[in-house]
N, C-alpha and C. Protein backbone atom coordinates (compact mmCIF):
# COMPACT_ATOMS: atom_id res chain seq x y z
N MET A 1 -15.85 5.39 -2.98
CA MET A 1 -15.00 5.94 -3.21
C MET A 1 -13.89 5.46 -4.51
N ALA A 2 -13.45 6.22 -5.29
CA ALA A 2 -12.76 5.69 -6.53
C ALA A 2 -11.49 5.44 -6.01
N ARG A 3 -11.03 4.43 -6.42
CA ARG A 3 -9.46 3.80 -6.32
C ARG A 3 -8.94 3.47 -7.52
N LYS A 4 -7.47 3.78 -7.73
CA LYS A 4 -6.97 3.28 -8.86
C LYS A 4 -6.20 1.89 -8.78
N SER A 5 -5.79 1.28 -9.83
CA SER A 5 -5.18 0.20 -9.73
C SER A 5 -3.83 0.40 -9.59
N ALA A 6 -3.18 -0.49 -9.30
CA ALA A 6 -1.72 -0.58 -8.68
C ALA A 6 -0.88 -1.13 -9.97
N PRO A 7 -0.79 -1.99 -10.36
CA PRO A 7 0.16 -2.18 -11.64
C PRO A 7 -0.01 -1.60 -12.63
N ALA A 8 1.00 -1.08 -13.62
CA ALA A 8 1.08 -0.15 -14.97
C ALA A 8 0.10 -1.06 -15.63
N PRO A 9 -0.58 -0.07 -16.63
CA PRO A 9 -1.47 -0.91 -17.62
C PRO A 9 -0.46 -1.31 -18.56
N THR A 10 -0.91 -1.85 -19.44
CA THR A 10 0.06 -2.52 -21.01
C THR A 10 -0.14 -1.30 -21.90
N ASP A 11 1.27 -0.96 -22.42
CA ASP A 11 1.28 0.01 -23.33
C ASP A 11 0.63 -0.56 -24.73
N ASP A 12 -0.18 -0.02 -25.31
CA ASP A 12 -0.92 -0.56 -26.47
C ASP A 12 -0.13 -0.42 -27.82
N SER A 13 0.85 0.54 -27.65
CA SER A 13 1.82 0.99 -28.88
C SER A 13 2.45 -0.17 -29.17
N THR A 14 2.72 -0.90 -28.04
CA THR A 14 3.92 -1.69 -28.22
C THR A 14 3.11 -3.40 -28.29
N ASP A 15 1.97 -3.34 -28.23
CA ASP A 15 1.58 -4.87 -28.22
C ASP A 15 0.16 -4.78 -29.41
N SER A 16 0.53 -6.23 -29.73
CA SER A 16 -0.66 -6.58 -30.74
C SER A 16 -2.08 -6.16 -29.78
N GLY A 17 -3.27 -6.37 -30.95
CA GLY A 17 -4.55 -6.00 -30.39
C GLY A 17 -4.93 -7.08 -29.53
N ALA A 18 -4.66 -8.45 -29.68
CA ALA A 18 -4.96 -9.57 -28.93
C ALA A 18 -4.36 -9.29 -27.41
N GLU A 19 -2.90 -9.29 -27.62
CA GLU A 19 -2.14 -9.14 -26.36
C GLU A 19 -2.61 -7.87 -25.58
N SER A 20 -2.92 -6.86 -26.10
CA SER A 20 -3.35 -5.48 -25.53
C SER A 20 -4.63 -5.79 -24.65
N LYS A 21 -5.63 -6.78 -25.49
CA LYS A 21 -7.07 -7.11 -24.72
C LYS A 21 -6.48 -7.88 -23.61
N SER A 22 -5.53 -9.01 -23.73
CA SER A 22 -5.42 -9.70 -22.60
C SER A 22 -5.04 -9.13 -21.49
N ALA A 23 -4.03 -8.33 -22.04
CA ALA A 23 -3.52 -7.44 -20.77
C ALA A 23 -4.68 -6.62 -19.83
N ARG A 24 -5.27 -6.10 -20.43
CA ARG A 24 -6.62 -4.97 -20.04
C ARG A 24 -7.47 -5.96 -19.12
N THR A 25 -7.71 -7.41 -19.83
CA THR A 25 -8.58 -8.34 -18.89
C THR A 25 -7.92 -8.82 -17.70
N ARG A 26 -6.80 -9.07 -17.72
CA ARG A 26 -6.18 -9.33 -16.58
C ARG A 26 -6.02 -8.30 -15.78
N GLN A 27 -6.06 -7.11 -16.20
CA GLN A 27 -5.79 -5.79 -15.13
C GLN A 27 -7.58 -5.78 -14.41
N ARG A 28 -8.27 -6.09 -14.99
CA ARG A 28 -9.84 -5.82 -14.63
C ARG A 28 -10.08 -6.91 -13.55
N ILE A 29 -9.25 -8.26 -13.96
CA ILE A 29 -9.49 -9.31 -12.74
C ILE A 29 -8.72 -8.68 -11.35
N LEU A 30 -7.48 -8.06 -11.75
CA LEU A 30 -6.56 -8.02 -10.59
C LEU A 30 -7.06 -6.77 -9.70
N ASP A 31 -7.82 -5.58 -10.34
CA ASP A 31 -8.55 -4.78 -9.75
C ASP A 31 -9.75 -5.40 -8.86
N ALA A 32 -10.62 -6.15 -9.83
CA ALA A 32 -11.57 -6.58 -9.26
C ALA A 32 -11.17 -7.51 -7.66
N ALA A 33 -10.01 -8.09 -7.68
CA ALA A 33 -9.88 -8.94 -6.59
C ALA A 33 -9.24 -7.96 -5.62
N ALA A 34 -8.52 -7.13 -5.97
CA ALA A 34 -8.28 -6.19 -4.80
C ALA A 34 -9.43 -5.47 -4.37
N GLN A 35 -10.24 -4.96 -4.94
CA GLN A 35 -11.56 -4.36 -4.30
C GLN A 35 -12.08 -5.43 -3.46
N VAL A 36 -12.43 -6.55 -3.92
CA VAL A 36 -13.05 -7.80 -2.89
C VAL A 36 -12.21 -7.93 -1.59
N LEU A 37 -10.93 -8.40 -1.82
CA LEU A 37 -9.99 -8.62 -0.69
C LEU A 37 -9.95 -7.40 -0.03
N SER A 38 -9.60 -6.46 -0.08
CA SER A 38 -9.61 -4.93 0.73
C SER A 38 -10.95 -4.94 1.43
N ARG A 39 -12.16 -5.27 1.26
CA ARG A 39 -13.28 -5.29 1.84
C ARG A 39 -13.58 -6.68 2.79
N LYS A 40 -13.45 -7.76 2.03
CA LYS A 40 -13.87 -9.11 2.70
C LYS A 40 -12.89 -10.05 3.14
N GLY A 41 -11.77 -9.45 2.86
CA GLY A 41 -10.69 -10.52 3.70
C GLY A 41 -10.21 -11.53 2.65
N TYR A 42 -9.33 -12.30 2.86
CA TYR A 42 -8.43 -13.60 2.30
C TYR A 42 -9.84 -14.60 2.61
N ALA A 43 -10.55 -14.72 3.70
CA ALA A 43 -11.38 -15.96 3.90
C ALA A 43 -12.67 -15.68 3.02
N GLY A 44 -13.01 -14.46 3.17
CA GLY A 44 -14.52 -14.10 2.32
C GLY A 44 -14.14 -13.37 1.04
N THR A 45 -12.89 -13.84 0.24
CA THR A 45 -12.82 -13.53 -1.03
C THR A 45 -13.34 -14.59 -1.96
N ARG A 46 -14.33 -14.56 -2.83
CA ARG A 46 -14.61 -15.68 -3.93
C ARG A 46 -14.51 -15.11 -5.24
N LEU A 47 -14.01 -16.31 -6.03
CA LEU A 47 -13.78 -15.77 -7.22
C LEU A 47 -15.10 -15.46 -8.13
N SER A 48 -16.22 -15.80 -7.64
CA SER A 48 -17.44 -15.68 -8.22
C SER A 48 -17.62 -13.98 -8.22
N GLU A 49 -17.44 -13.33 -7.27
CA GLU A 49 -17.58 -12.15 -6.76
C GLU A 49 -16.66 -11.12 -7.84
N VAL A 50 -15.25 -11.74 -7.68
CA VAL A 50 -14.33 -11.06 -8.68
C VAL A 50 -14.78 -11.04 -10.15
N ALA A 51 -15.54 -11.88 -10.67
CA ALA A 51 -15.40 -12.43 -11.88
C ALA A 51 -16.86 -11.51 -12.17
N GLU A 52 -17.80 -11.35 -11.11
CA GLU A 52 -18.86 -10.43 -11.54
C GLU A 52 -18.51 -8.97 -11.52
N ILE A 53 -17.54 -8.41 -10.78
CA ILE A 53 -17.08 -7.00 -10.76
C ILE A 53 -16.54 -6.77 -11.89
N ALA A 54 -15.54 -7.73 -12.29
CA ALA A 54 -14.43 -7.73 -13.42
C ALA A 54 -15.27 -7.89 -14.90
N GLU A 55 -16.67 -8.52 -14.54
CA GLU A 55 -17.57 -8.53 -16.06
C GLU A 55 -17.21 -9.85 -16.69
N LEU A 56 -16.69 -10.95 -16.05
CA LEU A 56 -16.41 -12.30 -16.62
C LEU A 56 -16.98 -13.39 -16.27
N GLN A 57 -16.86 -14.35 -16.84
CA GLN A 57 -17.29 -15.51 -16.41
C GLN A 57 -16.40 -16.21 -15.17
N ALA A 58 -16.56 -16.73 -13.99
CA ALA A 58 -15.87 -17.00 -13.16
C ALA A 58 -14.60 -18.12 -13.90
N PRO A 59 -14.98 -19.04 -14.72
CA PRO A 59 -13.99 -19.83 -15.03
C PRO A 59 -13.03 -19.01 -16.02
N ALA A 60 -12.93 -18.19 -16.36
CA ALA A 60 -12.13 -17.19 -17.24
C ALA A 60 -11.06 -16.63 -16.65
N ILE A 61 -11.35 -16.74 -15.26
CA ILE A 61 -10.31 -16.02 -14.21
C ILE A 61 -9.07 -17.42 -14.32
N TYR A 62 -9.17 -18.44 -14.51
CA TYR A 62 -8.08 -19.42 -14.64
C TYR A 62 -7.16 -19.43 -15.72
N TYR A 63 -7.93 -18.62 -16.48
CA TYR A 63 -6.86 -18.85 -18.04
C TYR A 63 -5.78 -17.78 -17.80
N TYR A 64 -5.84 -16.77 -16.55
CA TYR A 64 -4.97 -15.76 -16.47
C TYR A 64 -4.25 -16.30 -15.02
N PHE A 65 -5.04 -17.12 -13.91
CA PHE A 65 -4.19 -17.17 -12.74
C PHE A 65 -4.70 -18.54 -12.38
N PRO A 66 -3.55 -19.25 -12.10
CA PRO A 66 -3.79 -20.60 -12.12
C PRO A 66 -4.82 -20.99 -10.85
N SER A 67 -4.59 -19.97 -9.98
CA SER A 67 -5.53 -20.66 -8.43
C SER A 67 -5.94 -19.25 -8.15
N ARG A 68 -6.95 -19.39 -6.92
CA ARG A 68 -7.44 -18.20 -6.21
C ARG A 68 -6.20 -17.74 -5.65
N ASP A 69 -5.32 -18.55 -4.94
CA ASP A 69 -4.13 -18.06 -4.57
C ASP A 69 -3.37 -17.35 -5.06
N ASP A 70 -3.02 -17.43 -6.34
CA ASP A 70 -1.91 -16.84 -7.20
C ASP A 70 -2.66 -15.65 -7.62
N LEU A 71 -3.92 -15.61 -7.49
CA LEU A 71 -4.36 -14.13 -7.78
C LEU A 71 -4.28 -13.45 -6.58
N VAL A 72 -4.56 -14.04 -5.60
CA VAL A 72 -4.62 -13.13 -4.10
C VAL A 72 -2.83 -12.67 -3.93
N GLU A 73 -2.02 -13.56 -4.22
CA GLU A 73 -0.39 -13.40 -3.85
C GLU A 73 -0.05 -12.30 -4.87
N GLU A 74 -0.29 -12.02 -6.20
CA GLU A 74 -0.19 -11.20 -7.11
C GLU A 74 -0.72 -9.96 -6.38
N VAL A 75 -1.76 -9.60 -5.96
CA VAL A 75 -2.75 -8.34 -5.26
C VAL A 75 -1.75 -8.21 -4.11
N MET A 76 -1.20 -9.03 -3.43
CA MET A 76 -0.80 -8.37 -2.03
C MET A 76 0.40 -8.01 -2.28
N TRP A 77 1.52 -8.50 -3.28
CA TRP A 77 2.63 -8.04 -3.70
C TRP A 77 2.66 -6.88 -4.14
N ALA A 78 1.42 -6.39 -5.17
CA ALA A 78 1.29 -5.41 -6.10
C ALA A 78 1.38 -4.10 -4.96
N GLY A 79 0.37 -4.25 -3.88
CA GLY A 79 -0.17 -2.99 -2.96
C GLY A 79 0.97 -2.46 -2.19
N ILE A 80 1.91 -3.65 -2.01
CA ILE A 80 3.07 -2.87 -1.17
C ILE A 80 4.25 -2.35 -2.35
N ALA A 81 4.40 -2.97 -3.40
CA ALA A 81 5.13 -2.53 -4.43
C ALA A 81 4.78 -1.25 -4.66
N ASP A 82 3.33 -1.04 -5.25
CA ASP A 82 3.16 0.33 -5.38
C ASP A 82 3.21 1.30 -4.49
N MET A 83 2.82 0.80 -3.29
CA MET A 83 2.76 1.73 -2.36
C MET A 83 4.56 2.55 -2.14
N ASN A 84 5.43 1.83 -2.18
CA ASN A 84 6.92 1.83 -2.46
C ASN A 84 7.19 2.82 -3.40
N VAL A 85 6.44 2.60 -4.73
CA VAL A 85 6.95 3.65 -5.61
C VAL A 85 6.22 4.91 -5.22
N HIS A 86 4.99 5.01 -4.72
CA HIS A 86 4.30 6.09 -4.77
C HIS A 86 5.07 6.71 -3.43
N VAL A 87 5.32 6.54 -2.15
CA VAL A 87 6.05 7.24 -1.38
C VAL A 87 7.62 7.62 -1.51
N GLY A 88 7.98 6.50 -2.41
CA GLY A 88 9.53 6.80 -2.97
C GLY A 88 9.42 8.25 -3.85
N GLY A 89 8.46 8.13 -4.81
CA GLY A 89 8.26 9.28 -5.87
C GLY A 89 8.20 10.64 -5.21
N ILE A 90 7.22 10.71 -4.45
CA ILE A 90 7.12 12.02 -3.45
C ILE A 90 8.07 12.42 -2.78
N LEU A 91 8.72 11.54 -2.09
CA LEU A 91 10.03 11.88 -1.15
C LEU A 91 11.42 12.43 -2.15
N ASP A 92 11.56 11.79 -3.27
CA ASP A 92 12.38 12.42 -4.14
C ASP A 92 12.10 13.33 -4.60
N GLN A 93 10.91 14.03 -4.77
CA GLN A 93 10.49 15.33 -5.14
C GLN A 93 10.74 16.61 -4.25
N LEU A 94 11.30 16.16 -3.05
CA LEU A 94 11.25 17.27 -1.92
C LEU A 94 12.68 17.80 -2.15
N PRO A 95 12.77 19.13 -1.66
CA PRO A 95 13.98 19.67 -1.83
C PRO A 95 15.02 19.11 -0.57
N PRO A 96 16.45 19.20 -1.28
CA PRO A 96 17.58 18.20 -0.53
C PRO A 96 17.70 18.75 0.91
N ASP A 97 17.31 20.20 1.42
CA ASP A 97 17.65 20.67 2.41
C ASP A 97 16.24 20.71 3.25
N MET A 98 15.41 20.05 2.93
CA MET A 98 14.03 19.67 3.70
C MET A 98 14.62 18.89 5.15
N ARG A 99 14.46 19.67 6.30
CA ARG A 99 14.68 18.73 7.40
C ARG A 99 14.07 17.37 7.64
N PRO A 100 14.99 16.33 8.14
CA PRO A 100 14.78 15.08 8.16
C PRO A 100 13.20 14.51 9.06
N ILE A 101 12.87 15.43 9.93
CA ILE A 101 11.56 15.43 10.63
C ILE A 101 10.56 15.66 9.53
N ASP A 102 10.47 16.71 8.89
CA ASP A 102 9.52 17.12 7.92
C ASP A 102 9.49 16.01 6.70
N ARG A 103 10.45 15.44 6.49
CA ARG A 103 10.47 14.60 5.13
C ARG A 103 9.79 13.31 6.10
N ILE A 104 9.82 13.23 7.20
CA ILE A 104 8.82 12.33 7.61
C ILE A 104 7.51 12.29 7.99
N LEU A 105 7.29 13.25 7.94
CA LEU A 105 5.97 13.90 8.04
C LEU A 105 5.10 13.79 6.79
N VAL A 106 5.93 14.17 5.87
CA VAL A 106 5.77 14.13 4.12
C VAL A 106 5.37 12.40 3.83
N ALA A 107 6.27 11.70 4.59
CA ALA A 107 6.03 10.10 4.17
C ALA A 107 4.79 9.69 4.99
N VAL A 108 4.44 10.08 5.91
CA VAL A 108 3.19 9.91 6.82
C VAL A 108 1.85 10.02 5.96
N GLU A 109 2.21 11.30 5.24
CA GLU A 109 0.86 11.53 4.57
C GLU A 109 0.90 10.77 3.18
N ALA A 110 1.72 10.54 2.81
CA ALA A 110 1.91 9.97 1.39
C ALA A 110 1.49 8.43 1.73
N HIS A 111 1.77 7.85 2.61
CA HIS A 111 1.52 6.53 3.12
C HIS A 111 -0.31 6.45 3.30
N MET A 112 -0.56 7.47 4.12
CA MET A 112 -1.74 7.32 4.81
C MET A 112 -2.88 7.31 3.41
N ARG A 113 -2.42 8.56 2.52
CA ARG A 113 -3.33 8.51 1.22
C ARG A 113 -3.48 7.33 0.50
N HIS A 114 -2.28 6.96 0.24
CA HIS A 114 -2.24 5.70 -0.46
C HIS A 114 -3.02 4.36 -0.09
N GLU A 115 -2.64 4.26 1.17
CA GLU A 115 -3.50 2.92 2.06
C GLU A 115 -4.94 2.98 2.02
N LEU A 116 -5.22 4.11 2.09
CA LEU A 116 -6.72 4.59 2.65
C LEU A 116 -7.64 5.44 1.55
N GLU A 117 -6.98 5.90 0.25
CA GLU A 117 -7.41 6.74 -0.59
C GLU A 117 -7.45 6.10 -2.08
N ILE A 118 -6.15 6.13 -2.40
CA ILE A 118 -5.63 5.94 -3.64
C ILE A 118 -5.69 4.32 -4.44
N SER A 119 -5.35 3.35 -3.09
CA SER A 119 -5.11 1.98 -3.65
C SER A 119 -6.23 1.07 -3.02
N ASP A 120 -6.91 0.31 -3.69
CA ASP A 120 -7.35 -0.85 -2.90
C ASP A 120 -6.38 -1.88 -2.57
N TYR A 121 -5.06 -2.10 -3.79
CA TYR A 121 -4.44 -3.21 -3.58
C TYR A 121 -3.72 -3.04 -2.24
N THR A 122 -3.09 -1.28 -2.01
CA THR A 122 -2.48 -1.56 -0.60
C THR A 122 -3.54 -1.80 0.41
N THR A 123 -4.48 -1.19 0.42
CA THR A 123 -5.40 -1.97 1.60
C THR A 123 -5.53 -3.08 1.70
N ALA A 124 -5.86 -3.90 0.57
CA ALA A 124 -6.04 -5.02 0.72
C ALA A 124 -4.80 -6.01 1.41
N SER A 125 -3.58 -5.24 0.88
CA SER A 125 -2.05 -5.81 1.18
C SER A 125 -1.85 -5.87 2.89
N ILE A 126 -2.49 -4.43 3.45
CA ILE A 126 -2.24 -4.18 4.60
C ILE A 126 -2.94 -5.28 5.65
N ARG A 127 -4.46 -5.00 5.01
CA ARG A 127 -5.40 -5.90 5.92
C ARG A 127 -5.39 -7.06 6.01
N ASN A 128 -4.63 -7.75 5.07
CA ASN A 128 -4.70 -9.27 5.07
C ASN A 128 -3.07 -9.93 5.47
N ALA A 129 -2.53 -9.12 5.68
CA ALA A 129 -1.09 -9.75 6.04
C ALA A 129 -1.05 -10.67 6.83
N GLY A 130 -1.99 -10.76 7.77
CA GLY A 130 -1.62 -11.54 8.95
C GLY A 130 -2.90 -12.79 8.48
N GLN A 131 -3.44 -12.86 7.41
CA GLN A 131 -4.69 -13.50 7.22
C GLN A 131 -4.38 -14.74 5.94
N VAL A 132 -3.08 -14.13 5.09
CA VAL A 132 -3.12 -15.20 4.07
C VAL A 132 -2.03 -16.05 4.76
N PRO A 133 -1.93 -17.47 3.79
CA PRO A 133 -0.62 -18.56 3.76
C PRO A 133 0.03 -17.75 3.68
N GLU A 134 1.55 -18.47 4.47
CA GLU A 134 2.78 -17.64 4.39
C GLU A 134 3.41 -17.93 3.06
N LYS A 135 3.11 -19.10 2.27
CA LYS A 135 3.72 -19.12 0.78
C LYS A 135 3.18 -17.98 -0.02
N ILE A 136 1.93 -17.50 0.42
CA ILE A 136 1.23 -16.18 -0.33
C ILE A 136 2.43 -14.94 -0.32
N ARG A 137 2.90 -14.99 1.02
CA ARG A 137 3.74 -13.61 1.43
C ARG A 137 4.82 -13.56 0.99
N THR A 138 5.74 -14.39 0.18
CA THR A 138 7.08 -14.44 0.01
C THR A 138 7.53 -13.31 -1.04
N ARG A 139 6.89 -12.89 -1.91
CA ARG A 139 6.96 -11.57 -2.73
C ARG A 139 6.52 -10.49 -2.04
N GLN A 140 5.54 -10.46 -1.22
CA GLN A 140 5.24 -9.68 -0.34
C GLN A 140 5.81 -9.06 0.71
N LEU A 141 6.69 -9.86 1.25
CA LEU A 141 7.83 -9.77 2.44
C LEU A 141 8.79 -9.25 2.01
N ALA A 142 9.53 -9.81 0.67
CA ALA A 142 10.50 -8.98 0.42
C ALA A 142 10.38 -7.84 -0.18
N GLU A 143 9.22 -7.15 -0.49
CA GLU A 143 8.78 -5.94 -1.17
C GLU A 143 8.46 -5.00 0.14
N GLU A 144 8.11 -5.49 1.43
CA GLU A 144 7.96 -4.72 2.66
C GLU A 144 9.18 -4.65 3.06
N ALA A 145 10.19 -5.46 3.01
CA ALA A 145 11.78 -5.09 3.37
C ALA A 145 12.29 -4.02 2.54
N LYS A 146 12.09 -3.83 1.13
CA LYS A 146 12.32 -2.65 0.69
C LYS A 146 11.71 -1.45 1.04
N TYR A 147 10.56 -1.44 1.33
CA TYR A 147 9.74 -0.16 1.72
C TYR A 147 10.36 0.06 3.27
N GLY A 148 10.36 -0.79 4.00
CA GLY A 148 11.09 -0.62 5.12
C GLY A 148 12.61 0.09 5.19
N LYS A 149 13.34 -0.16 4.43
CA LYS A 149 14.73 0.42 4.04
C LYS A 149 14.44 1.60 3.87
N ARG A 150 13.26 2.17 3.29
CA ARG A 150 13.20 3.45 2.73
C ARG A 150 12.75 4.12 4.28
N TRP A 151 12.04 3.90 4.97
CA TRP A 151 11.66 4.24 6.39
C TRP A 151 12.77 4.26 7.32
N ARG A 152 13.36 3.38 7.41
CA ARG A 152 14.63 3.31 8.09
C ARG A 152 15.62 4.55 7.47
N ALA A 153 15.75 4.56 6.21
CA ALA A 153 16.49 5.52 5.83
C ALA A 153 16.39 7.36 6.77
N LEU A 154 15.02 7.47 6.46
CA LEU A 154 14.19 8.65 7.03
C LEU A 154 14.75 8.86 8.78
N PHE A 155 14.45 7.64 9.19
CA PHE A 155 14.33 7.89 10.72
C PHE A 155 15.72 7.85 11.11
N ASP A 156 16.83 7.43 10.38
CA ASP A 156 18.22 7.36 10.42
C ASP A 156 18.64 8.74 10.21
N ASP A 157 18.31 9.38 9.24
CA ASP A 157 18.69 10.72 9.12
C ASP A 157 18.12 11.91 10.01
N ALA A 158 17.01 11.53 10.74
CA ALA A 158 16.57 12.31 11.78
C ALA A 158 17.21 11.98 12.97
N ALA A 159 17.59 10.85 13.31
CA ALA A 159 18.62 10.67 14.21
C ALA A 159 19.69 11.10 14.34
N ALA A 160 20.04 11.29 13.17
CA ALA A 160 21.70 11.95 12.97
C ALA A 160 21.76 13.07 13.10
N ALA A 161 20.70 13.92 12.76
CA ALA A 161 20.48 15.52 12.67
C ALA A 161 19.75 15.58 13.96
N GLY A 162 19.80 14.96 15.04
CA GLY A 162 19.39 15.25 16.08
C GLY A 162 18.02 15.48 16.42
N GLU A 163 16.91 15.20 15.24
CA GLU A 163 15.60 15.61 15.20
C GLU A 163 14.57 14.58 15.95
N LEU A 164 15.17 13.56 16.72
CA LEU A 164 14.65 12.73 17.55
C LEU A 164 14.83 12.77 18.80
N ARG A 165 13.82 12.61 19.74
CA ARG A 165 13.96 12.90 20.99
C ARG A 165 15.14 11.62 21.47
N PRO A 166 16.14 12.06 22.53
CA PRO A 166 17.41 11.32 22.92
C PRO A 166 16.76 9.76 23.28
N GLU A 167 15.99 9.77 24.25
CA GLU A 167 15.73 8.66 24.75
C GLU A 167 14.90 7.60 23.60
N LEU A 168 14.47 8.03 22.56
CA LEU A 168 14.13 6.95 21.35
C LEU A 168 14.83 5.94 21.24
N ASP A 169 14.61 5.10 20.71
CA ASP A 169 15.05 4.02 19.95
C ASP A 169 14.39 4.10 18.71
N PRO A 170 15.41 4.54 17.65
CA PRO A 170 14.77 4.94 16.35
C PRO A 170 14.16 3.50 15.60
N VAL A 171 14.35 2.21 15.97
CA VAL A 171 14.07 1.31 15.37
C VAL A 171 12.66 0.84 16.00
N ILE A 172 12.44 1.04 17.18
CA ILE A 172 11.36 0.89 17.59
C ILE A 172 10.33 2.10 17.08
N ALA A 173 10.40 3.34 17.51
CA ALA A 173 10.07 4.59 17.09
C ALA A 173 9.22 4.25 15.57
N ARG A 174 10.16 3.83 14.80
CA ARG A 174 9.67 3.30 13.52
C ARG A 174 8.95 2.30 13.14
N MET A 175 8.75 1.62 13.66
CA MET A 175 8.10 0.23 13.81
C MET A 175 6.72 0.62 14.46
N LEU A 176 6.48 1.48 15.45
CA LEU A 176 5.38 1.86 16.33
C LEU A 176 4.73 3.01 15.20
N VAL A 177 5.36 3.88 14.68
CA VAL A 177 4.61 4.64 13.70
C VAL A 177 4.25 3.98 12.44
N LEU A 178 4.68 3.02 12.09
CA LEU A 178 4.50 2.30 10.84
C LEU A 178 3.13 1.52 11.18
N GLY A 179 3.41 0.85 12.36
CA GLY A 179 1.92 -0.08 12.66
C GLY A 179 0.67 0.97 13.14
N ALA A 180 0.84 2.20 13.71
CA ALA A 180 -0.17 3.14 13.83
C ALA A 180 -1.25 3.46 12.37
N LEU A 181 0.23 3.68 11.28
CA LEU A 181 -0.18 3.96 10.01
C LEU A 181 -1.00 3.04 9.45
N ASN A 182 -0.68 1.83 9.68
CA ASN A 182 -1.38 0.39 8.86
C ASN A 182 -2.67 0.45 9.61
N TRP A 183 -2.45 0.51 10.76
CA TRP A 183 -3.95 0.34 11.71
C TRP A 183 -4.94 0.98 11.39
N ALA A 184 -4.69 2.08 10.63
CA ALA A 184 -5.95 3.23 10.08
C ALA A 184 -6.73 2.34 9.22
N ALA A 185 -6.13 1.29 8.13
CA ALA A 185 -6.66 0.55 7.54
C ALA A 185 -8.17 -0.18 8.09
N GLU A 186 -7.84 -0.35 9.11
CA GLU A 186 -8.66 -1.29 10.23
C GLU A 186 -10.06 -0.41 10.65
N TRP A 187 -9.86 0.66 10.81
CA TRP A 187 -11.10 1.46 11.48
C TRP A 187 -11.61 2.73 10.81
N TRP A 188 -10.70 3.33 9.97
CA TRP A 188 -11.07 4.53 9.14
C TRP A 188 -11.97 4.12 7.86
N THR A 189 -13.18 5.02 7.99
CA THR A 189 -14.25 5.20 6.89
C THR A 189 -14.36 6.92 7.13
N PRO A 190 -14.89 7.21 5.90
CA PRO A 190 -15.44 8.80 5.41
C PRO A 190 -16.24 9.23 6.87
N ALA A 191 -17.16 8.15 7.27
CA ALA A 191 -17.94 8.71 8.31
C ALA A 191 -17.34 8.95 9.77
N ARG A 192 -16.25 8.54 10.00
CA ARG A 192 -15.41 8.80 10.98
C ARG A 192 -14.49 10.14 10.95
N GLY A 193 -14.78 10.87 9.80
CA GLY A 193 -14.07 12.23 9.96
C GLY A 193 -13.20 12.07 8.28
N SER A 194 -12.94 13.61 7.94
CA SER A 194 -12.18 13.54 6.66
C SER A 194 -11.07 12.63 6.65
N LEU A 195 -10.52 12.46 5.67
CA LEU A 195 -9.32 11.77 5.55
C LEU A 195 -7.98 12.94 5.71
N ASP A 196 -8.38 14.09 5.39
CA ASP A 196 -7.37 15.28 5.55
C ASP A 196 -7.35 15.52 7.20
N THR A 197 -8.27 15.39 7.86
CA THR A 197 -8.38 15.47 9.25
C THR A 197 -7.48 14.32 9.72
N VAL A 198 -7.63 13.13 9.47
CA VAL A 198 -7.18 12.00 9.72
C VAL A 198 -5.52 11.98 9.70
N VAL A 199 -4.88 12.78 8.39
CA VAL A 199 -3.81 12.77 8.07
C VAL A 199 -3.00 13.77 9.02
N GLN A 200 -3.57 14.74 9.15
CA GLN A 200 -3.14 15.97 9.88
C GLN A 200 -3.04 15.81 11.45
N THR A 201 -4.05 15.05 11.93
CA THR A 201 -3.86 14.44 13.37
C THR A 201 -2.73 13.36 13.48
N ALA A 202 -2.53 12.59 12.32
CA ALA A 202 -1.50 11.78 12.57
C ALA A 202 -0.25 12.18 12.50
N GLN A 203 -0.21 13.37 11.62
CA GLN A 203 1.38 14.05 11.41
C GLN A 203 1.39 14.87 12.59
N ALA A 204 0.37 15.47 13.53
CA ALA A 204 0.90 16.20 14.73
C ALA A 204 1.21 15.18 15.83
N ILE A 205 0.79 13.96 16.05
CA ILE A 205 1.12 13.26 16.75
C ILE A 205 2.70 12.24 16.44
N VAL A 206 2.91 12.60 15.31
CA VAL A 206 4.12 11.80 14.93
C VAL A 206 5.15 12.89 14.98
N ARG A 207 4.91 14.49 15.05
CA ARG A 207 6.01 15.37 15.05
C ARG A 207 6.35 15.63 16.87
N SER A 208 4.98 15.26 17.50
CA SER A 208 4.95 15.67 18.91
C SER A 208 5.81 14.23 19.35
N GLY A 209 5.64 13.16 19.12
CA GLY A 209 6.26 11.99 19.84
C GLY A 209 7.88 11.77 19.45
N LEU A 210 7.99 12.28 18.15
CA LEU A 210 9.37 12.12 17.53
C LEU A 210 10.45 13.37 18.32
N SER A 211 10.06 14.79 17.79
CA SER A 211 10.72 15.74 17.78
C SER A 211 11.08 16.47 19.41
N PRO A 212 12.29 16.82 19.56
CA PRO A 212 12.41 16.88 20.74
C PRO A 212 12.55 18.48 21.18
N GLU A 213 11.62 19.21 19.97
CA GLU A 213 11.45 20.45 20.32
C GLU A 213 10.18 20.70 20.70
């Protein structure tokens, strides 16, 4: 499955040739690390495999990242940061009069597609959140708080509009929905069915579980 890289590429028009080449090499290392981390987890990620995918000698990685954990930390942060930008960009394009419950369903699809189809960084970040040392999670946790704030606004708007079941606690409902969406990274593969079907099923469950209609 083709996956895109998360961080924005360096603009060659503003960099010297050497700087541009360095930025591209750094990006290749990050892309390779995201790929390995998303598949093999923190414990199974080896710099030798990252270097092989990035088409480098393993010692060259230390020119760009002081340690394996520094490389992993960058991937973990980028996964959530890119997810936040992706989902936020899609929500910003929606009509202002769209119903809050429908905005939640759009966010469900955007989240799942980014997690499962678009970005190895996001898959790696979600799957390894409980595996990496706490010191690696500092920037990721800060970005998760920003992303959580985006979802909190969606649920608060739905509750204010009377589009959540009255017996639901919006905070608990939001955490359960996000937890279920993130768990898909642990079990879904194309062999289990198309991503379209997974997204449609998730949206149907979320609508039925949240909406009083």
